[in-house]
Full PDB file with SEQRES, HELIX, SHEET, SSBOND, CRYST1, ORIGX, SCALE, CONECT and MASTER records, all heavy atoms in Angstrom:
SEQRES   1 A   33  SER PRO VAL ILE VAL LEU LEU SER GLY MET MET PHE PRO          
SEQRES   2 A   33  VAL GLN ALA LEU PRO ALA TRP LEU GLN PRO ILE SER ALA          
SEQRES   3 A   33  ALA ILE PRO LEU THR HIS GLY                                  
HELIX    1 AA1 PRO A    2  SER A    8  1                                   7    
HELIX    2 AA2 VAL A   14  ALA A   16  5                                   3    
HELIX    3 AA3 GLN A   22  ALA A   26  1                                   5    
HELIX    4 AA4 PRO A   29  HIS A   32  1                                   4    
CRYST1    1.000    1.000    1.000  90.00  90.00  90.00 P 1           1          
ORIGX1      1.000000  0.000000  0.000000        0.00000                         
ORIGX2      0.000000  1.000000  0.000000        0.00000                         
ORIGX3      0.000000  0.000000  1.000000        0.00000                         
SCALE1      1.000000  0.000000  0.000000        0.00000                         
SCALE2      0.000000  1.000000  0.000000        0.00000                         
SCALE3      0.000000  0.000000  1.000000        0.00000                         
ATOM      1  N   SER A   1    -115.709 134.531 185.164  1.00  0.00           N  
ATOM      2  CA  SER A   1    -116.108 133.142 185.400  1.00  0.00           C  
ATOM      3  C   SER A   1    -115.224 132.129 184.679  1.00  0.00           C  
ATOM      4  O   SER A   1    -114.716 131.198 185.307  1.00  0.00           O  
ATOM      5  CB  SER A   1    -117.566 132.922 185.003  1.00  0.00           C  
ATOM      6  OG  SER A   1    -118.410 133.655 185.830  1.00  0.00           O  
ATOM      7  N   PRO A   2    -114.986 132.266 183.379  1.00  0.00           N  
ATOM      8  CA  PRO A   2    -114.133 131.273 182.724  1.00  0.00           C  
ATOM      9  C   PRO A   2    -112.690 131.311 183.224  1.00  0.00           C  
ATOM     10  O   PRO A   2    -112.016 130.282 183.266  1.00  0.00           O  
ATOM     11  CB  PRO A   2    -114.205 131.621 181.238  1.00  0.00           C  
ATOM     12  CG  PRO A   2    -115.001 132.848 181.113  1.00  0.00           C  
ATOM     13  CD  PRO A   2    -115.570 133.197 182.440  1.00  0.00           C  
ATOM     14  N   VAL A   3    -112.229 132.489 183.638  1.00  0.00           N  
ATOM     15  CA  VAL A   3    -110.865 132.604 184.165  1.00  0.00           C  
ATOM     16  C   VAL A   3    -110.755 131.826 185.473  1.00  0.00           C  
ATOM     17  O   VAL A   3    -109.781 131.088 185.695  1.00  0.00           O  
ATOM     18  CB  VAL A   3    -110.481 134.092 184.367  1.00  0.00           C  
ATOM     19  CG1 VAL A   3    -109.136 134.223 185.054  1.00  0.00           C  
ATOM     20  CG2 VAL A   3    -110.491 134.820 183.038  1.00  0.00           C  
ATOM     21  N   ILE A   4    -111.765 131.967 186.331  1.00  0.00           N  
ATOM     22  CA  ILE A   4    -111.773 131.238 187.603  1.00  0.00           C  
ATOM     23  C   ILE A   4    -111.825 129.736 187.347  1.00  0.00           C  
ATOM     24  O   ILE A   4    -111.089 128.967 187.964  1.00  0.00           O  
ATOM     25  CB  ILE A   4    -112.980 131.671 188.466  1.00  0.00           C  
ATOM     26  CG1 ILE A   4    -112.865 133.129 188.845  1.00  0.00           C  
ATOM     27  CG2 ILE A   4    -113.131 130.788 189.679  1.00  0.00           C  
ATOM     28  CD1 ILE A   4    -111.992 133.457 190.000  1.00  0.00           C  
ATOM     29  N   VAL A   5    -112.684 129.308 186.432  1.00  0.00           N  
ATOM     30  CA  VAL A   5    -112.785 127.883 186.110  1.00  0.00           C  
ATOM     31  C   VAL A   5    -111.441 127.371 185.579  1.00  0.00           C  
ATOM     32  O   VAL A   5    -110.967 126.312 185.976  1.00  0.00           O  
ATOM     33  CB  VAL A   5    -113.916 127.620 185.089  1.00  0.00           C  
ATOM     34  CG1 VAL A   5    -113.853 126.209 184.541  1.00  0.00           C  
ATOM     35  CG2 VAL A   5    -115.272 127.877 185.738  1.00  0.00           C  
ATOM     36  N   LEU A   6    -110.825 128.134 184.705  1.00  0.00           N  
ATOM     37  CA  LEU A   6    -109.562 127.726 184.113  1.00  0.00           C  
ATOM     38  C   LEU A   6    -108.435 127.654 185.144  1.00  0.00           C  
ATOM     39  O   LEU A   6    -107.722 126.665 185.220  1.00  0.00           O  
ATOM     40  CB  LEU A   6    -109.166 128.710 182.994  1.00  0.00           C  
ATOM     41  CG  LEU A   6    -107.769 128.525 182.413  1.00  0.00           C  
ATOM     42  CD1 LEU A   6    -107.734 127.275 181.563  1.00  0.00           C  
ATOM     43  CD2 LEU A   6    -107.369 129.740 181.600  1.00  0.00           C  
ATOM     44  N   LEU A   7    -108.304 128.683 185.949  1.00  0.00           N  
ATOM     45  CA  LEU A   7    -107.130 128.785 186.814  1.00  0.00           C  
ATOM     46  C   LEU A   7    -107.255 128.082 188.164  1.00  0.00           C  
ATOM     47  O   LEU A   7    -106.247 127.832 188.813  1.00  0.00           O  
ATOM     48  CB  LEU A   7    -106.776 130.258 187.042  1.00  0.00           C  
ATOM     49  CG  LEU A   7    -106.344 131.027 185.801  1.00  0.00           C  
ATOM     50  CD1 LEU A   7    -106.051 132.475 186.154  1.00  0.00           C  
ATOM     51  CD2 LEU A   7    -105.140 130.379 185.155  1.00  0.00           C  
ATOM     52  N   SER A   8    -108.460 127.779 188.603  1.00  0.00           N  
ATOM     53  CA  SER A   8    -108.605 127.178 189.934  1.00  0.00           C  
ATOM     54  C   SER A   8    -108.455 125.669 189.935  1.00  0.00           C  
ATOM     55  O   SER A   8    -108.418 125.057 190.990  1.00  0.00           O  
ATOM     56  CB  SER A   8    -109.950 127.560 190.548  1.00  0.00           C  
ATOM     57  OG  SER A   8    -110.990 126.966 189.816  1.00  0.00           O  
ATOM     58  N   GLY A   9    -108.385 125.068 188.775  1.00  0.00           N  
ATOM     59  CA  GLY A   9    -108.232 123.615 188.721  1.00  0.00           C  
ATOM     60  C   GLY A   9    -109.539 122.873 188.885  1.00  0.00           C  
ATOM     61  O   GLY A   9    -109.560 121.746 189.352  1.00  0.00           O  
ATOM     62  N   MET A  10    -110.632 123.485 188.486  1.00  0.00           N  
ATOM     63  CA  MET A  10    -111.926 122.814 188.611  1.00  0.00           C  
ATOM     64  C   MET A  10    -112.026 121.596 187.697  1.00  0.00           C  
ATOM     65  O   MET A  10    -112.578 120.585 188.088  1.00  0.00           O  
ATOM     66  CB  MET A  10    -113.064 123.783 188.276  1.00  0.00           C  
ATOM     67  CG  MET A  10    -113.354 124.768 189.341  1.00  0.00           C  
ATOM     68  SD  MET A  10    -114.799 125.735 188.882  1.00  0.00           S  
ATOM     69  CE  MET A  10    -114.720 127.014 190.096  1.00  0.00           C  
ATOM     70  N   MET A  11    -111.516 121.704 186.483  1.00  0.00           N  
ATOM     71  CA  MET A  11    -111.725 120.640 185.499  1.00  0.00           C  
ATOM     72  C   MET A  11    -110.467 119.847 185.155  1.00  0.00           C  
ATOM     73  O   MET A  11    -110.561 118.776 184.602  1.00  0.00           O  
ATOM     74  CB  MET A  11    -112.288 121.220 184.205  1.00  0.00           C  
ATOM     75  CG  MET A  11    -113.593 121.925 184.399  1.00  0.00           C  
ATOM     76  SD  MET A  11    -114.800 120.831 185.127  1.00  0.00           S  
ATOM     77  CE  MET A  11    -115.776 121.976 186.035  1.00  0.00           C  
ATOM     78  N   PHE A  12    -109.321 120.394 185.433  1.00  0.00           N  
ATOM     79  CA  PHE A  12    -108.070 119.694 185.156  1.00  0.00           C  
ATOM     80  C   PHE A  12    -107.045 120.149 186.182  1.00  0.00           C  
ATOM     81  O   PHE A  12    -107.207 121.180 186.822  1.00  0.00           O  
ATOM     82  CB  PHE A  12    -107.582 119.942 183.721  1.00  0.00           C  
ATOM     83  CG  PHE A  12    -107.379 121.392 183.402  1.00  0.00           C  
ATOM     84  CD1 PHE A  12    -106.171 122.013 183.677  1.00  0.00           C  
ATOM     85  CD2 PHE A  12    -108.391 122.137 182.849  1.00  0.00           C  
ATOM     86  CE1 PHE A  12    -105.991 123.352 183.413  1.00  0.00           C  
ATOM     87  CE2 PHE A  12    -108.225 123.473 182.578  1.00  0.00           C  
ATOM     88  CZ  PHE A  12    -107.012 124.080 182.856  1.00  0.00           C  
ATOM     89  N   PRO A  13    -105.986 119.388 186.377  1.00  0.00           N  
ATOM     90  CA  PRO A  13    -105.013 119.710 187.416  1.00  0.00           C  
ATOM     91  C   PRO A  13    -104.308 121.044 187.172  1.00  0.00           C  
ATOM     92  O   PRO A  13    -103.920 121.352 186.048  1.00  0.00           O  
ATOM     93  CB  PRO A  13    -104.002 118.567 187.348  1.00  0.00           C  
ATOM     94  CG  PRO A  13    -104.520 117.580 186.384  1.00  0.00           C  
ATOM     95  CD  PRO A  13    -105.661 118.167 185.654  1.00  0.00           C  
ATOM     96  N   VAL A  14    -104.160 121.805 188.234  1.00  0.00           N  
ATOM     97  CA  VAL A  14    -103.421 123.060 188.166  1.00  0.00           C  
ATOM     98  C   VAL A  14    -101.989 122.796 187.705  1.00  0.00           C  
ATOM     99  O   VAL A  14    -101.382 123.618 187.028  1.00  0.00           O  
ATOM    100  CB  VAL A  14    -103.434 123.755 189.553  1.00  0.00           C  
ATOM    101  CG1 VAL A  14    -102.505 124.949 189.586  1.00  0.00           C  
ATOM    102  CG2 VAL A  14    -104.849 124.171 189.908  1.00  0.00           C  
ATOM    103  N   GLN A  15    -101.467 121.621 188.038  1.00  0.00           N  
ATOM    104  CA  GLN A  15    -100.104 121.273 187.656  1.00  0.00           C  
ATOM    105  C   GLN A  15     -99.943 121.194 186.141  1.00  0.00           C  
ATOM    106  O   GLN A  15     -98.824 121.236 185.630  1.00  0.00           O  
ATOM    107  CB  GLN A  15     -99.692 119.928 188.279  1.00  0.00           C  
ATOM    108  CG  GLN A  15     -99.670 119.942 189.777  1.00  0.00           C  
ATOM    109  CD  GLN A  15    -101.026 119.606 190.411  1.00  0.00           C  
ATOM    110  OE1 GLN A  15    -102.083 119.707 189.791  1.00  0.00           O  
ATOM    111  NE2 GLN A  15    -100.991 119.210 191.675  1.00  0.00           N  
ATOM    112  N   ALA A  16    -101.061 121.081 185.397  1.00  0.00           N  
ATOM    113  CA  ALA A  16    -100.999 121.035 183.937  1.00  0.00           C  
ATOM    114  C   ALA A  16    -100.929 122.434 183.326  1.00  0.00           C  
ATOM    115  O   ALA A  16    -100.658 122.574 182.144  1.00  0.00           O  
ATOM    116  CB  ALA A  16    -102.212 120.288 183.379  1.00  0.00           C  
ATOM    117  N   LEU A  17    -101.173 123.472 184.144  1.00  0.00           N  
ATOM    118  CA  LEU A  17    -101.066 124.843 183.648  1.00  0.00           C  
ATOM    119  C   LEU A  17     -99.612 125.168 183.342  1.00  0.00           C  
ATOM    120  O   LEU A  17     -98.699 124.634 183.980  1.00  0.00           O  
ATOM    121  CB  LEU A  17    -101.580 125.835 184.696  1.00  0.00           C  
ATOM    122  CG  LEU A  17    -103.068 125.883 184.963  1.00  0.00           C  
ATOM    123  CD1 LEU A  17    -103.361 126.725 186.194  1.00  0.00           C  
ATOM    124  CD2 LEU A  17    -103.803 126.450 183.768  1.00  0.00           C  
ATOM    125  N   PRO A  18     -99.378 126.076 182.409  1.00  0.00           N  
ATOM    126  CA  PRO A  18     -98.005 126.534 182.209  1.00  0.00           C  
ATOM    127  C   PRO A  18     -97.461 127.135 183.516  1.00  0.00           C  
ATOM    128  O   PRO A  18     -98.220 127.686 184.318  1.00  0.00           O  
ATOM    129  CB  PRO A  18     -98.138 127.608 181.126  1.00  0.00           C  
ATOM    130  CG  PRO A  18     -99.428 127.299 180.429  1.00  0.00           C  
ATOM    131  CD  PRO A  18    -100.309 126.666 181.468  1.00  0.00           C  
ATOM    132  N   ALA A  19     -96.172 127.034 183.714  1.00  0.00           N  
ATOM    133  CA  ALA A  19     -95.549 127.462 184.977  1.00  0.00           C  
ATOM    134  C   ALA A  19     -95.856 128.912 185.333  1.00  0.00           C  
ATOM    135  O   ALA A  19     -96.032 129.239 186.508  1.00  0.00           O  
ATOM    136  CB  ALA A  19     -94.041 127.237 184.910  1.00  0.00           C  
ATOM    137  N   TRP A  20     -95.986 129.787 184.357  1.00  0.00           N  
ATOM    138  CA  TRP A  20     -96.218 131.196 184.648  1.00  0.00           C  
ATOM    139  C   TRP A  20     -97.645 131.468 185.132  1.00  0.00           C  
ATOM    140  O   TRP A  20     -97.905 132.501 185.756  1.00  0.00           O  
ATOM    141  CB  TRP A  20     -95.878 132.067 183.439  1.00  0.00           C  
ATOM    142  CG  TRP A  20     -96.724 131.813 182.222  1.00  0.00           C  
ATOM    143  CD1 TRP A  20     -96.501 130.888 181.245  1.00  0.00           C  
ATOM    144  CD2 TRP A  20     -97.922 132.491 181.861  1.00  0.00           C  
ATOM    145  NE1 TRP A  20     -97.491 130.927 180.298  1.00  0.00           N  
ATOM    146  CE2 TRP A  20     -98.379 131.918 180.640  1.00  0.00           C  
ATOM    147  CE3 TRP A  20     -98.662 133.518 182.430  1.00  0.00           C  
ATOM    148  CZ2 TRP A  20     -99.525 132.342 179.994  1.00  0.00           C  
ATOM    149  CZ3 TRP A  20     -99.802 133.933 181.785  1.00  0.00           C  
ATOM    150  CH2 TRP A  20    -100.227 133.358 180.583  1.00  0.00           C  
ATOM    151  N   LEU A  21     -98.585 130.540 184.868  1.00  0.00           N  
ATOM    152  CA  LEU A  21     -99.965 130.705 185.339  1.00  0.00           C  
ATOM    153  C   LEU A  21    -100.197 130.102 186.731  1.00  0.00           C  
ATOM    154  O   LEU A  21    -101.154 130.461 187.407  1.00  0.00           O  
ATOM    155  CB  LEU A  21    -100.945 130.055 184.359  1.00  0.00           C  
ATOM    156  CG  LEU A  21    -101.331 130.867 183.144  1.00  0.00           C  
ATOM    157  CD1 LEU A  21    -102.231 130.062 182.223  1.00  0.00           C  
ATOM    158  CD2 LEU A  21    -102.012 132.157 183.539  1.00  0.00           C  
ATOM    159  N   GLN A  22     -99.338 129.211 187.163  1.00  0.00           N  
ATOM    160  CA  GLN A  22     -99.549 128.529 188.440  1.00  0.00           C  
ATOM    161  C   GLN A  22     -99.541 129.476 189.642  1.00  0.00           C  
ATOM    162  O   GLN A  22    -100.362 129.303 190.546  1.00  0.00           O  
ATOM    163  CB  GLN A  22     -98.562 127.385 188.592  1.00  0.00           C  
ATOM    164  CG  GLN A  22     -98.872 126.259 187.623  1.00  0.00           C  
ATOM    165  CD  GLN A  22     -97.967 125.064 187.769  1.00  0.00           C  
ATOM    166  OE1 GLN A  22     -97.305 124.889 188.789  1.00  0.00           O  
ATOM    167  NE2 GLN A  22     -97.935 124.220 186.746  1.00  0.00           N  
ATOM    168  N   PRO A  23     -98.680 130.509 189.713  1.00  0.00           N  
ATOM    169  CA  PRO A  23     -98.778 131.447 190.847  1.00  0.00           C  
ATOM    170  C   PRO A  23    -100.097 132.224 190.871  1.00  0.00           C  
ATOM    171  O   PRO A  23    -100.628 132.520 191.937  1.00  0.00           O  
ATOM    172  CB  PRO A  23     -97.585 132.389 190.642  1.00  0.00           C  
ATOM    173  CG  PRO A  23     -96.643 131.641 189.773  1.00  0.00           C  
ATOM    174  CD  PRO A  23     -97.489 130.754 188.905  1.00  0.00           C  
ATOM    175  N   ILE A  24    -100.633 132.538 189.696  1.00  0.00           N  
ATOM    176  CA  ILE A  24    -101.927 133.227 189.632  1.00  0.00           C  
ATOM    177  C   ILE A  24    -103.013 132.289 190.154  1.00  0.00           C  
ATOM    178  O   ILE A  24    -103.895 132.700 190.904  1.00  0.00           O  
ATOM    179  CB  ILE A  24    -102.221 133.696 188.194  1.00  0.00           C  
ATOM    180  CG1 ILE A  24    -101.165 134.701 187.750  1.00  0.00           C  
ATOM    181  CG2 ILE A  24    -103.619 134.293 188.092  1.00  0.00           C  
ATOM    182  CD1 ILE A  24    -101.188 135.034 186.275  1.00  0.00           C  
ATOM    183  N   SER A  25    -102.920 131.023 189.781  1.00  0.00           N  
ATOM    184  CA  SER A  25    -103.863 130.022 190.268  1.00  0.00           C  
ATOM    185  C   SER A  25    -103.819 129.913 191.785  1.00  0.00           C  
ATOM    186  O   SER A  25    -104.849 129.765 192.444  1.00  0.00           O  
ATOM    187  CB  SER A  25    -103.549 128.671 189.627  1.00  0.00           C  
ATOM    188  OG  SER A  25    -104.350 127.665 190.185  1.00  0.00           O  
ATOM    189  N   ALA A  26    -102.627 129.995 192.339  1.00  0.00           N  
ATOM    190  CA  ALA A  26    -102.458 129.882 193.795  1.00  0.00           C  
ATOM    191  C   ALA A  26    -103.092 131.050 194.541  1.00  0.00           C  
ATOM    192  O   ALA A  26    -103.374 130.945 195.737  1.00  0.00           O  
ATOM    193  CB  ALA A  26    -100.979 129.772 194.146  1.00  0.00           C  
ATOM    194  N   ALA A  27    -103.341 132.169 193.859  1.00  0.00           N  
ATOM    195  CA  ALA A  27    -103.954 133.334 194.507  1.00  0.00           C  
ATOM    196  C   ALA A  27    -105.475 133.235 194.563  1.00  0.00           C  
ATOM    197  O   ALA A  27    -106.124 134.055 195.215  1.00  0.00           O  
ATOM    198  CB  ALA A  27    -103.541 134.612 193.766  1.00  0.00           C  
ATOM    199  N   ILE A  28    -106.052 132.230 193.926  1.00  0.00           N  
ATOM    200  CA  ILE A  28    -107.505 132.077 193.899  1.00  0.00           C  
ATOM    201  C   ILE A  28    -107.930 131.158 195.045  1.00  0.00           C  
ATOM    202  O   ILE A  28    -107.451 130.025 195.137  1.00  0.00           O  
ATOM    203  CB  ILE A  28    -107.956 131.493 192.536  1.00  0.00           C  
ATOM    204  CG1 ILE A  28    -107.553 132.449 191.408  1.00  0.00           C  
ATOM    205  CG2 ILE A  28    -109.458 131.247 192.519  1.00  0.00           C  
ATOM    206  CD1 ILE A  28    -107.771 131.889 190.020  1.00  0.00           C  
ATOM    207  N   PRO A  29    -108.812 131.611 195.926  1.00  0.00           N  
ATOM    208  CA  PRO A  29    -109.225 130.784 197.070  1.00  0.00           C  
ATOM    209  C   PRO A  29    -109.805 129.426 196.671  1.00  0.00           C  
ATOM    210  O   PRO A  29    -109.616 128.436 197.374  1.00  0.00           O  
ATOM    211  CB  PRO A  29    -110.289 131.635 197.776  1.00  0.00           C  
ATOM    212  CG  PRO A  29    -110.054 133.023 197.328  1.00  0.00           C  
ATOM    213  CD  PRO A  29    -109.452 132.938 195.965  1.00  0.00           C  
ATOM    214  N   LEU A  30    -110.506 129.363 195.552  1.00  0.00           N  
ATOM    215  CA  LEU A  30    -111.100 128.092 195.133  1.00  0.00           C  
ATOM    216  C   LEU A  30    -110.049 127.018 194.862  1.00  0.00           C  
ATOM    217  O   LEU A  30    -110.300 125.844 195.071  1.00  0.00           O  
ATOM    218  CB  LEU A  30    -111.932 128.280 193.873  1.00  0.00           C  
ATOM    219  CG  LEU A  30    -113.307 128.883 194.080  1.00  0.00           C  
ATOM    220  CD1 LEU A  30    -113.979 129.162 192.750  1.00  0.00           C  
ATOM    221  CD2 LEU A  30    -114.174 127.995 194.930  1.00  0.00           C  
ATOM    222  N   THR A  31    -108.870 127.427 194.407  1.00  0.00           N  
ATOM    223  CA  THR A  31    -107.798 126.467 194.149  1.00  0.00           C  
ATOM    224  C   THR A  31    -107.477 125.690 195.418  1.00  0.00           C  
ATOM    225  O   THR A  31    -107.366 124.466 195.421  1.00  0.00           O  
ATOM    226  CB  THR A  31    -106.538 127.196 193.629  1.00  0.00           C  
ATOM    227  OG1 THR A  31    -106.879 127.956 192.487  1.00  0.00           O  
ATOM    228  CG2 THR A  31    -105.435 126.212 193.292  1.00  0.00           C  
ATOM    229  N   HIS A  32    -107.350 126.403 196.520  1.00  0.00           N  
ATOM    230  CA  HIS A  32    -106.994 125.765 197.791  1.00  0.00           C  
ATOM    231  C   HIS A  32    -108.173 124.990 198.368  1.00  0.00           C  
ATOM    232  O   HIS A  32    -108.001 123.914 198.952  1.00  0.00           O  
ATOM    233  CB  HIS A  32    -106.478 126.818 198.773  1.00  0.00           C  
ATOM    234  CG  HIS A  32    -105.315 127.561 198.213  1.00  0.00           C  
ATOM    235  ND1 HIS A  32    -104.073 126.993 198.057  1.00  0.00           N  
ATOM    236  CD2 HIS A  32    -105.223 128.815 197.710  1.00  0.00           C  
ATOM    237  CE1 HIS A  32    -103.246 127.864 197.513  1.00  0.00           C  
ATOM    238  NE2 HIS A  32    -103.921 128.982 197.290  1.00  0.00           N  
ATOM    239  N   GLY A  33    -109.388 125.524 198.202  1.00  0.00           N  
ATOM    240  CA  GLY A  33    -110.575 124.805 198.657  1.00  0.00           C  
ATOM    241  C   GLY A  33    -110.740 123.480 197.938  1.00  0.00           C  
ATOM    242  O   GLY A  33    -111.058 122.456 198.534  1.00  0.00           O  
TER     243      GLY A  33                                                      
MASTER        0    0    0    4    0    0    0    6  242    1    0    3          
END                                                                             
């Protein structure tokens, strides 16, 4: 649960994640939703 919240961009922009985490974020359906 916290990983999904962190990586999907629920609370802050995915663009603020370090570059190496952004591809992992892109694999989560919630990010695109």
